[in-house]
């Protein structure tokens, strides 16, 4: 199924879960598709972890 989202789009958590067909968890979600994983991270001030790419 081809996504209607584009690179750089900001989507809600529910949209993301619906697109993937799973309830995503904080951190890394391995082997969701044929050849990819999903990383959830926070860039907000005072985030509990220093997430970065």
Protein backbone atom coordinates (compact mmCIF):
# COMPACT_ATOMS: atom_id res chain seq x y z
CA UNK A 1 0.00 0.00 0.00
CA UNK A 2 1.40 3.38 -0.98
CA UNK A 3 1.35 6.08 1.68
CA UNK A 4 -0.28 9.44 1.10
CA UNK A 5 2.33 11.06 3.35
CA UNK A 6 5.35 12.93 2.02
CA UNK A 7 8.84 13.32 3.51
CA UNK A 8 8.72 16.12 6.06
CA UNK A 9 4.98 15.79 6.79
CA UNK A 10 3.97 16.11 10.42
CA UNK A 11 1.34 13.52 11.29
CA UNK A 12 -0.40 12.48 14.50
CA UNK A 13 0.43 9.38 16.49
CA UNK A 14 -2.92 7.85 15.49
CA UNK A 15 -2.27 8.52 11.78
CA UNK A 16 1.14 6.87 12.08
CA UNK A 17 -0.26 3.80 13.87
CA UNK A 18 -3.04 3.50 11.30
CA UNK A 19 -0.56 3.71 8.42
CA UNK A 20 1.66 1.02 9.96
CA UNK A 21 -1.21 -1.16 11.15
CA UNK A 22 0.28 -1.51 14.66
CA UNK A 23 0.36 0.39 17.95
CA UNK A 24 3.83 1.92 17.97
CA UNK A 25 5.84 2.15 21.20
CA UNK A 26 8.44 4.66 22.37
CA UNK A 27 11.88 3.96 20.97
CA UNK A 28 12.54 1.63 18.07
CA UNK A 29 9.94 -0.61 16.43
CA UNK A 30 11.86 -3.28 14.51
CA UNK A 31 10.87 -5.09 11.32
CA UNK A 32 7.51 -3.45 10.74
CA UNK A 33 7.70 -3.65 6.98
CA UNK A 34 9.63 -5.65 4.43
CA UNK A 35 12.84 -3.70 4.96
CA UNK A 36 12.36 -0.89 7.46
CA UNK A 37 11.91 0.00 11.12
CA UNK A 38 10.32 3.04 12.80
CA UNK A 39 12.14 5.22 15.33
CA UNK A 40 10.07 7.45 17.62
CA UNK A 41 11.96 10.31 19.21
CA UNK A 42 11.30 13.58 21.00
CA UNK A 43 13.04 16.86 20.23
CA UNK A 44 11.07 18.89 22.78
CA UNK A 45 12.81 20.82 25.53
CA UNK A 46 13.25 18.81 28.73
CA UNK A 47 12.71 15.50 26.91
CA UNK A 48 13.73 12.57 29.14
CA UNK A 49 16.36 11.44 26.61
CA UNK A 50 18.81 13.31 24.38
CA UNK A 51 17.43 11.87 21.12
CA UNK A 52 19.25 12.77 17.92
CA UNK A 53 19.69 11.53 14.38
